[in-house]
Amino acid sequence: MKTPRHFKKWFDGWPELVCFDLDGTLVDSVPDIALSVDAFLAEQGAPLAGEVLVRSWVGFGSAKLIEQAMAWANIDPNKHEECYRTFLKYYFEHLSDRTTLYPNVKELLKAFKHQGVPVALITNKPSVFIKPILDHFEITEHFGWFLGADTLEERKPSALPLLHCSEAIEAEPEKCLMIGDSITDFRAANNAGFKCALVTYGYNQGVDLLSLGADAVMDDLAELLI
């Protein structure tokens, strides 16, 4: 397989490491997340938020999501722990009921595997959810690292999770790539000195991705193989 144009331009070959975000990049998890948010709202006797509204909130981690939903529903902030616990329990039981894999995820992962490129999963969701989702879509084997919000002392947009992986294999940051869907992923890549590719179909919290200055902004992951 010839070297895709982006990689040839950025690395003069294939990257030494690729880090993927999960939600909004590899999977559309909002349908199950929204039901989990509505589960704790219902328990509190509050109106249900629904998928469209929850989709506009996701991207900053589950604790922040619960905080946003509670503020929207006017729920006492002191109930955050109780609401969060209900959310986590429901979500763990319904992780992949309605979650779907985005197009060309498996094709891109297979290409990296064929080229011997190490791949990491770096997300701001609790780590307990990562492997069950990857197992459901049968892509677990492609990842050498699973880093969640609670894995290290810091999470994205900190550079720490990205550098944790690159330093483990002595990869040069400028020869590594972060693939995500949000300003959080962009900032993490920028802080780590990684190249950054962002997808337009994910959870961007209303941020114009083209304005960030990422190395690539794509409508489809397959663009990285051209």
C-alpha atoms as a PDB file:
ATOM      1  CA  MET A   1       0.000   0.000   0.000  1.00  0.00           C
ATOM      2  CA  LYS A   2       1.436   3.364  -0.991  1.00  0.00           C
ATOM      3  CA  THR A   3       1.803   6.064   1.653  1.00  0.00           C
ATOM      4  CA  PRO A   4      -1.343   8.259   1.815  1.00  0.00           C
ATOM      5  CA  ARG A   5      -0.802  11.906   0.871  1.00  0.00           C
ATOM      6  CA  HIS A   6      -1.359  13.348   4.356  1.00  0.00           C
ATOM      7  CA  PHE A   7       1.137  10.974   5.932  1.00  0.00           C
ATOM      8  CA  LYS A   8       3.652  11.545   3.179  1.00  0.00           C
ATOM      9  CA  LYS A   9       3.374  15.297   3.734  1.00  0.00           C
ATOM     10  CA  TRP A  10       3.400  15.209   7.546  1.00  0.00           C
ATOM     11  CA  PHE A  11       5.773  12.339   8.304  1.00  0.00           C
ATOM     12  CA  ASP A  12       7.395  11.382   5.013  1.00  0.00           C
ATOM     13  CA  GLY A  13       5.882   7.965   5.674  1.00  0.00           C
ATOM     14  CA  TRP A  14       3.426   6.412   8.098  1.00  0.00           C
ATOM     15  CA  PRO A  15       3.091   7.881  11.614  1.00  0.00           C
ATOM     16  CA  GLU A  16       5.042   6.376  14.514  1.00  0.00           C
ATOM     17  CA  LEU A  17       1.889   6.427  16.676  1.00  0.00           C
ATOM     18  CA  VAL A  18      -1.797   7.193  16.190  1.00  0.00           C
ATOM     19  CA  CYS A  19      -4.083   8.188  19.068  1.00  0.00           C
ATOM     20  CA  PHE A  20      -7.856   8.042  18.581  1.00  0.00           C
ATOM     21  CA  ASP A  21     -10.629   9.720  20.506  1.00  0.00           C
ATOM     22  CA  LEU A  22     -13.656   7.457  21.014  1.00  0.00           C
ATOM     23  CA  ASP A  23     -17.026   9.222  21.225  1.00  0.00           C
ATOM     24  CA  GLY A  24     -17.807  11.222  18.107  1.00  0.00           C
ATOM     25  CA  THR A  25     -14.723   9.871  16.326  1.00  0.00           C
ATOM     26  CA  LEU A  26     -15.000   6.082  16.274  1.00  0.00           C
ATOM     27  CA  VAL A  27     -18.532   5.609  17.613  1.00  0.00           C
ATOM     28  CA  ASP A  28     -21.764   7.576  17.810  1.00  0.00           C
ATOM     29  CA  SER A  29     -22.593   6.874  21.446  1.00  0.00           C
ATOM     30  CA  VAL A  30     -25.058   9.715  22.012  1.00  0.00           C
ATOM     31  CA  PRO A  31     -28.221   7.578  21.677  1.00  0.00           C
ATOM     32  CA  ASP A  32     -27.199   5.453  24.688  1.00  0.00           C
ATOM     33  CA  ILE A  33     -25.719   8.390  26.602  1.00  0.00           C
ATOM     34  CA  ALA A  34     -28.953  10.351  26.136  1.00  0.00           C
ATOM     35  CA  LEU A  35     -31.051   7.507  27.506  1.00  0.00           C
ATOM     36  CA  SER A  36     -28.710   7.326  30.499  1.00  0.00           C
ATOM     37  CA  VAL A  37     -29.035  11.064  31.126  1.00  0.00           C
ATOM     38  CA  ASP A  38     -32.806  10.772  30.901  1.00  0.00           C
ATOM     39  CA  ALA A  39     -32.684   7.885  33.384  1.00  0.00           C
ATOM     40  CA  PHE A  40     -31.261  10.073  36.141  1.00  0.00           C
ATOM     41  CA  LEU A  41     -33.481  13.014  35.180  1.00  0.00           C
ATOM     42  CA  ALA A  42     -36.558  10.788  35.458  1.00  0.00           C
ATOM     43  CA  GLU A  43     -35.392   9.551  38.853  1.00  0.00           C
ATOM     44  CA  GLN A  44     -35.187  13.177  39.990  1.00  0.00           C
ATOM     45  CA  GLY A  45     -38.675  13.925  38.663  1.00  0.00           C
ATOM     46  CA  ALA A  46     -37.223  16.308  36.058  1.00  0.00           C
ATOM     47  CA  PRO A  47     -38.192  16.673  32.386  1.00  0.00           C
ATOM     48  CA  LEU A  48     -36.274  14.450  29.962  1.00  0.00           C
ATOM     49  CA  ALA A  49     -33.580  16.084  27.860  1.00  0.00           C
ATOM     50  CA  GLY A  50     -33.693  13.832  24.808  1.00  0.00           C
ATOM     51  CA  GLU A  51     -31.034  12.947  22.254  1.00  0.00           C
ATOM     52  CA  VAL A  52     -30.839  16.232  20.341  1.00  0.00           C
ATOM     53  CA  LEU A  53     -30.108  18.303  23.435  1.00  0.00           C
ATOM     54  CA  VAL A  54     -27.694  15.782  24.938  1.00  0.00           C
ATOM     55  CA  ARG A  55     -25.803  15.675  21.641  1.00  0.00           C
ATOM     56  CA  SER A  56     -25.040  19.385  22.083  1.00  0.00           C
ATOM     57  CA  TRP A  57     -23.642  18.771  25.581  1.00  0.00           C
ATOM     58  CA  VAL A  58     -21.286  15.825  25.105  1.00  0.00           C
ATOM     59  CA  GLY A  59     -17.564  16.155  24.586  1.00  0.00           C
ATOM     60  CA  PHE A  60     -16.210  17.377  27.901  1.00  0.00           C
ATOM     61  CA  GLY A  61     -16.476  14.152  29.903  1.00  0.00           C
ATOM     62  CA  SER A  62     -19.362  12.490  31.715  1.00  0.00           C
ATOM     63  CA  ALA A  63     -19.068  14.459  34.976  1.00  0.00           C
ATOM     64  CA  LYS A  64     -19.416  17.735  33.056  1.00  0.00           C
ATOM     65  CA  LEU A  65     -22.315  16.251  31.074  1.00  0.00           C
ATOM     66  CA  ILE A  66     -24.209  15.469  34.269  1.00  0.00           C
ATOM     67  CA  GLU A  67     -23.500  18.968  35.540  1.00  0.00           C
ATOM     68  CA  GLN A  68     -24.898  20.489  32.347  1.00  0.00           C
ATOM     69  CA  ALA A  69     -28.008  18.307  32.432  1.00  0.00           C
ATOM     70  CA  MET A  70     -28.618  19.119  36.090  1.00  0.00           C
ATOM     71  CA  ALA A  71     -28.298  22.854  35.448  1.00  0.00           C
ATOM     72  CA  TRP A  72     -30.708  22.577  32.505  1.00  0.00           C
ATOM     73  CA  ALA A  73     -33.243  20.716  34.675  1.00  0.00           C
ATOM     74  CA  ASN A  74     -32.682  23.027  37.662  1.00  0.00           C
ATOM     75  CA  ILE A  75     -31.638  20.162  39.943  1.00  0.00           C
ATOM     76  CA  ASP A  76     -29.849  20.949  43.208  1.00  0.00           C
ATOM     77  CA  PRO A  77     -26.076  20.829  42.470  1.00  0.00           C
ATOM     78  CA  ASN A  78     -25.586  18.961  45.754  1.00  0.00           C
ATOM     79  CA  LYS A  79     -27.249  15.954  44.120  1.00  0.00           C
ATOM     80  CA  HIS A  80     -24.474  15.618  41.534  1.00  0.00           C
ATOM     81  CA  GLU A  81     -23.009  12.448  43.059  1.00  0.00           C
ATOM     82  CA  GLU A  82     -26.416  10.783  43.256  1.00  0.00           C
ATOM     83  CA  CYS A  83     -27.291  11.728  39.673  1.00  0.00           C
ATOM     84  CA  TYR A  84     -23.880  10.696  38.390  1.00  0.00           C
ATOM     85  CA  ARG A  85     -24.170   7.312  40.078  1.00  0.00           C
ATOM     86  CA  THR A  86     -27.546   6.668  38.448  1.00  0.00           C
ATOM     87  CA  PHE A  87     -26.191   7.741  35.069  1.00  0.00           C
ATOM     88  CA  LEU A  88     -23.141   5.476  35.304  1.00  0.00           C
ATOM     89  CA  LYS A  89     -25.157   2.442  36.389  1.00  0.00           C
ATOM     90  CA  TYR A  90     -27.701   2.819  33.589  1.00  0.00           C
ATOM     91  CA  TYR A  91     -25.055   3.553  30.971  1.00  0.00           C
ATOM     92  CA  PHE A  92     -22.935   0.549  31.933  1.00  0.00           C
ATOM     93  CA  GLU A  93     -25.994  -1.670  31.469  1.00  0.00           C
ATOM     94  CA  HIS A  94     -26.838  -0.145  28.055  1.00  0.00           C
ATOM     95  CA  LEU A  95     -23.422   0.731  26.615  1.00  0.00           C
ATOM     96  CA  SER A  96     -24.020  -0.420  23.079  1.00  0.00           C
ATOM     97  CA  ASP A  97     -27.773  -0.839  22.705  1.00  0.00           C
ATOM     98  CA  ARG A  98     -27.995   1.960  20.150  1.00  0.00           C
ATOM     99  CA  THR A  99     -24.374   3.036  19.723  1.00  0.00           C
ATOM    100  CA  THR A 100     -23.029   2.653  16.187  1.00  0.00           C
ATOM    101  CA  LEU A 101     -19.585   2.520  14.592  1.00  0.00           C
ATOM    102  CA  TYR A 102     -18.833   5.309  12.143  1.00  0.00           C
ATOM    103  CA  PRO A 103     -17.979   4.468   8.503  1.00  0.00           C
ATOM    104  CA  ASN A 104     -14.485   3.255   7.617  1.00  0.00           C
ATOM    105  CA  VAL A 105     -13.282   2.890  11.214  1.00  0.00           C
ATOM    106  CA  LYS A 106     -12.344  -0.752  10.716  1.00  0.00           C
ATOM    107  CA  GLU A 107     -10.734  -0.057   7.365  1.00  0.00           C
ATOM    108  CA  LEU A 108      -8.461   2.614   8.842  1.00  0.00           C
ATOM    109  CA  LEU A 109      -7.561   0.473  11.852  1.00  0.00           C
ATOM    110  CA  LYS A 110      -6.724  -2.438   9.570  1.00  0.00           C
ATOM    111  CA  ALA A 111      -4.472  -0.200   7.479  1.00  0.00           C
ATOM    112  CA  PHE A 112      -2.546   0.905  10.564  1.00  0.00           C
ATOM    113  CA  LYS A 113      -2.239  -2.705  11.706  1.00  0.00           C
ATOM    114  CA  HIS A 114      -0.978  -3.772   8.279  1.00  0.00           C
ATOM    115  CA  GLN A 115       1.682  -1.039   8.403  1.00  0.00           C
ATOM    116  CA  GLY A 116       2.669  -1.897  11.981  1.00  0.00           C
ATOM    117  CA  VAL A 117       1.592   1.497  13.347  1.00  0.00           C
ATOM    118  CA  PRO A 118       0.897   1.434  17.121  1.00  0.00           C
ATOM    119  CA  VAL A 119      -2.573   2.736  17.979  1.00  0.00           C
ATOM    120  CA  ALA A 120      -3.935   4.155  21.257  1.00  0.00           C
ATOM    121  CA  LEU A 121      -7.459   4.964  22.437  1.00  0.00           C
ATOM    122  CA  ILE A 122      -7.576   8.172  24.488  1.00  0.00           C
ATOM    123  CA  THR A 123     -10.976   9.305  25.741  1.00  0.00           C
ATOM    124  CA  ASN A 124     -12.360  11.486  28.509  1.00  0.00           C
ATOM    125  CA  LYS A 125     -15.028   8.960  29.436  1.00  0.00           C
ATOM    126  CA  PRO A 126     -14.479   6.677  32.465  1.00  0.00           C
ATOM    127  CA  SER A 127     -12.115   3.854  31.578  1.00  0.00           C
ATOM    128  CA  VAL A 128     -14.537   1.129  32.708  1.00  0.00           C
ATOM    129  CA  PHE A 129     -16.629   1.784  29.579  1.00  0.00           C
ATOM    130  CA  ILE A 130     -13.861   1.579  26.993  1.00  0.00           C
ATOM    131  CA  LYS A 131     -13.165  -2.123  26.508  1.00  0.00           C
ATOM    132  CA  PRO A 132     -16.834  -3.265  26.499  1.00  0.00           C
ATOM    133  CA  ILE A 133     -17.567  -0.846  23.657  1.00  0.00           C
ATOM    134  CA  LEU A 134     -14.488  -1.888  21.678  1.00  0.00           C
ATOM    135  CA  ASP A 135     -15.317  -5.554  22.318  1.00  0.00           C
ATOM    136  CA  HIS A 136     -18.870  -5.037  21.052  1.00  0.00           C
ATOM    137  CA  PHE A 137     -17.561  -3.755  17.716  1.00  0.00           C
ATOM    138  CA  GLU A 138     -14.718  -6.313  17.625  1.00  0.00           C
ATOM    139  CA  ILE A 139     -11.938  -3.726  17.323  1.00  0.00           C
ATOM    140  CA  THR A 140     -10.225  -4.182  20.701  1.00  0.00           C
ATOM    141  CA  GLU A 141      -7.208  -5.950  19.231  1.00  0.00           C
ATOM    142  CA  HIS A 142      -6.178  -2.860  17.292  1.00  0.00           C
ATOM    143  CA  PHE A 143      -5.335  -0.807  20.383  1.00  0.00           C
ATOM    144  CA  GLY A 144      -2.189  -1.002  22.449  1.00  0.00           C
ATOM    145  CA  TRP A 145      -3.474   1.449  25.052  1.00  0.00           C
ATOM    146  CA  PHE A 146      -6.910   2.274  26.526  1.00  0.00           C
ATOM    147  CA  LEU A 147      -6.734   5.559  28.422  1.00  0.00           C
ATOM    148  CA  GLY A 148      -9.852   6.980  30.049  1.00  0.00           C
ATOM    149  CA  ALA A 149     -10.473  10.126  32.070  1.00  0.00           C
ATOM    150  CA  ASP A 150      -9.418   8.341  35.261  1.00  0.00           C
ATOM    151  CA  THR A 151      -6.367   6.434  33.953  1.00  0.00           C
ATOM    152  CA  LEU A 152      -3.706   9.094  34.556  1.00  0.00           C
ATOM    153  CA  GLU A 153      -3.410  12.208  36.723  1.00  0.00           C
ATOM    154  CA  GLU A 154      -4.526  14.389  33.810  1.00  0.00           C
ATOM    155  CA  ARG A 155      -6.822  13.977  30.838  1.00  0.00           C
ATOM    156  CA  LYS A 156      -7.287  15.735  27.501  1.00  0.00           C
ATOM    157  CA  PRO A 157      -6.686  18.596  26.693  1.00  0.00           C
ATOM    158  CA  SER A 158      -3.565  17.841  28.735  1.00  0.00           C
ATOM    159  CA  ALA A 159      -0.708  16.448  26.683  1.00  0.00           C
ATOM    160  CA  LEU A 160      -0.055  13.793  29.325  1.00  0.00           C
ATOM    161  CA  PRO A 161      -2.170  10.915  27.901  1.00  0.00           C
ATOM    162  CA  LEU A 162      -0.693  11.374  24.422  1.00  0.00           C
ATOM    163  CA  LEU A 163       2.887  11.674  25.637  1.00  0.00           C
ATOM    164  CA  HIS A 164       2.379   8.704  27.967  1.00  0.00           C
ATOM    165  CA  CYS A 165       1.880   6.560  24.861  1.00  0.00           C
ATOM    166  CA  SER A 166       4.532   8.148  22.652  1.00  0.00           C
ATOM    167  CA  GLU A 167       7.184   7.999  25.351  1.00  0.00           C
ATOM    168  CA  ALA A 168       6.403   4.330  26.006  1.00  0.00           C
ATOM    169  CA  ILE A 169       7.576   3.478  22.486  1.00  0.00           C
ATOM    170  CA  GLU A 170      10.059   6.341  22.144  1.00  0.00           C
ATOM    171  CA  ALA A 171       8.086   7.866  19.287  1.00  0.00           C
ATOM    172  CA  GLU A 172       8.863  11.471  18.369  1.00  0.00           C
ATOM    173  CA  PRO A 173       5.797  13.685  19.032  1.00  0.00           C
ATOM    174  CA  GLU A 174       6.121  15.420  15.669  1.00  0.00           C
ATOM    175  CA  LYS A 175       5.776  12.020  14.002  1.00  0.00           C
ATOM    176  CA  CYS A 176       2.605  11.111  15.926  1.00  0.00           C
ATOM    177  CA  LEU A 177      -1.036  11.780  15.074  1.00  0.00           C
ATOM    178  CA  MET A 178      -4.138  12.528  17.160  1.00  0.00           C
ATOM    179  CA  ILE A 179      -7.495  11.851  15.480  1.00  0.00           C
ATOM    180  CA  GLY A 180     -10.538  13.375  17.156  1.00  0.00           C
ATOM    181  CA  ASP A 181     -13.661  15.448  16.733  1.00  0.00           C
ATOM    182  CA  SER A 182     -13.367  18.413  19.098  1.00  0.00           C
ATOM    183  CA  ILE A 183     -11.392  21.375  20.348  1.00  0.00           C
ATOM    184  CA  THR A 184     -10.399  19.185  23.305  1.00  0.00           C
ATOM    185  CA  ASP A 185      -8.646  16.747  20.959  1.00  0.00           C
ATOM    186  CA  PHE A 186      -7.062  19.612  19.036  1.00  0.00           C
ATOM    187  CA  ARG A 187      -5.683  21.188  22.198  1.00  0.00           C
ATOM    188  CA  ALA A 188      -4.350  17.857  23.449  1.00  0.00           C
ATOM    189  CA  ALA A 189      -2.554  17.291  20.149  1.00  0.00           C
ATOM    190  CA  ASN A 190      -1.228  20.843  20.108  1.00  0.00           C
ATOM    191  CA  ASN A 191      -0.011  20.588  23.702  1.00  0.00           C
ATOM    192  CA  ALA A 192       1.765  17.305  22.921  1.00  0.00           C
ATOM    193  CA  GLY A 193       3.296  18.458  19.654  1.00  0.00           C
ATOM    194  CA  PHE A 194       1.294  15.879  17.650  1.00  0.00           C
ATOM    195  CA  LYS A 195      -0.240  16.359  14.240  1.00  0.00           C
ATOM    196  CA  CYS A 196      -4.035  16.587  14.460  1.00  0.00           C
ATOM    197  CA  ALA A 197      -6.824  15.391  12.186  1.00  0.00           C
ATOM    198  CA  LEU A 198     -10.419  16.244  13.117  1.00  0.00           C
ATOM    199  CA  VAL A 199     -13.655  14.711  11.815  1.00  0.00           C
ATOM    200  CA  THR A 200     -16.661  16.926  11.121  1.00  0.00           C
ATOM    201  CA  TYR A 201     -19.372  14.397  11.986  1.00  0.00           C
ATOM    202  CA  GLY A 202     -18.680  14.222  15.736  1.00  0.00           C
ATOM    203  CA  TYR A 203     -19.394  16.286  18.822  1.00  0.00           C
ATOM    204  CA  ASN A 204     -17.807  19.698  18.307  1.00  0.00           C
ATOM    205  CA  GLN A 205     -19.896  21.705  20.834  1.00  0.00           C
ATOM    206  CA  GLY A 206     -20.647  24.252  18.122  1.00  0.00           C
ATOM    207  CA  VAL A 207     -16.974  25.062  17.506  1.00  0.00           C
ATOM    208  CA  ASP A 208     -15.978  25.737  13.902  1.00  0.00           C
ATOM    209  CA  LEU A 209     -13.304  23.076  13.479  1.00  0.00           C
ATOM    210  CA  LEU A 210     -11.864  24.800  10.421  1.00  0.00           C
ATOM    211  CA  SER A 211     -10.996  27.797  12.588  1.00  0.00           C
ATOM    212  CA  LEU A 212      -8.729  25.812  14.906  1.00  0.00           C
ATOM    213  CA  GLY A 213      -5.838  25.244  12.538  1.00  0.00           C
ATOM    214  CA  ALA A 214      -5.800  21.443  12.667  1.00  0.00           C
ATOM    215  CA  ASP A 215      -3.604  19.697  10.123  1.00  0.00           C
ATOM    216  CA  ALA A 216      -6.682  18.143   8.505  1.00  0.00           C
ATOM    217  CA  VAL A 217     -10.449  18.430   8.876  1.00  0.00           C
ATOM    218  CA  MET A 218     -12.287  15.498   7.311  1.00  0.00           C
ATOM    219  CA  ASP A 219     -15.839  14.382   6.625  1.00  0.00           C
ATOM    220  CA  ASP A 220     -14.777  10.717   6.577  1.00  0.00           C
ATOM    221  CA  LEU A 221     -11.893   8.786   8.122  1.00  0.00           C
ATOM    222  CA  ALA A 222     -11.233   7.225   4.731  1.00  0.00           C
ATOM    223  CA  GLU A 223      -9.692  10.527   3.638  1.00  0.00           C
ATOM    224  CA  LEU A 224      -6.612   9.570   5.642  1.00  0.00           C
ATOM    225  CA  LEU A 225      -6.036   6.627   3.314  1.00  0.00           C
ATOM    226  CA  ILE A 226      -6.102   8.555   0.056  1.00  0.00           C
END
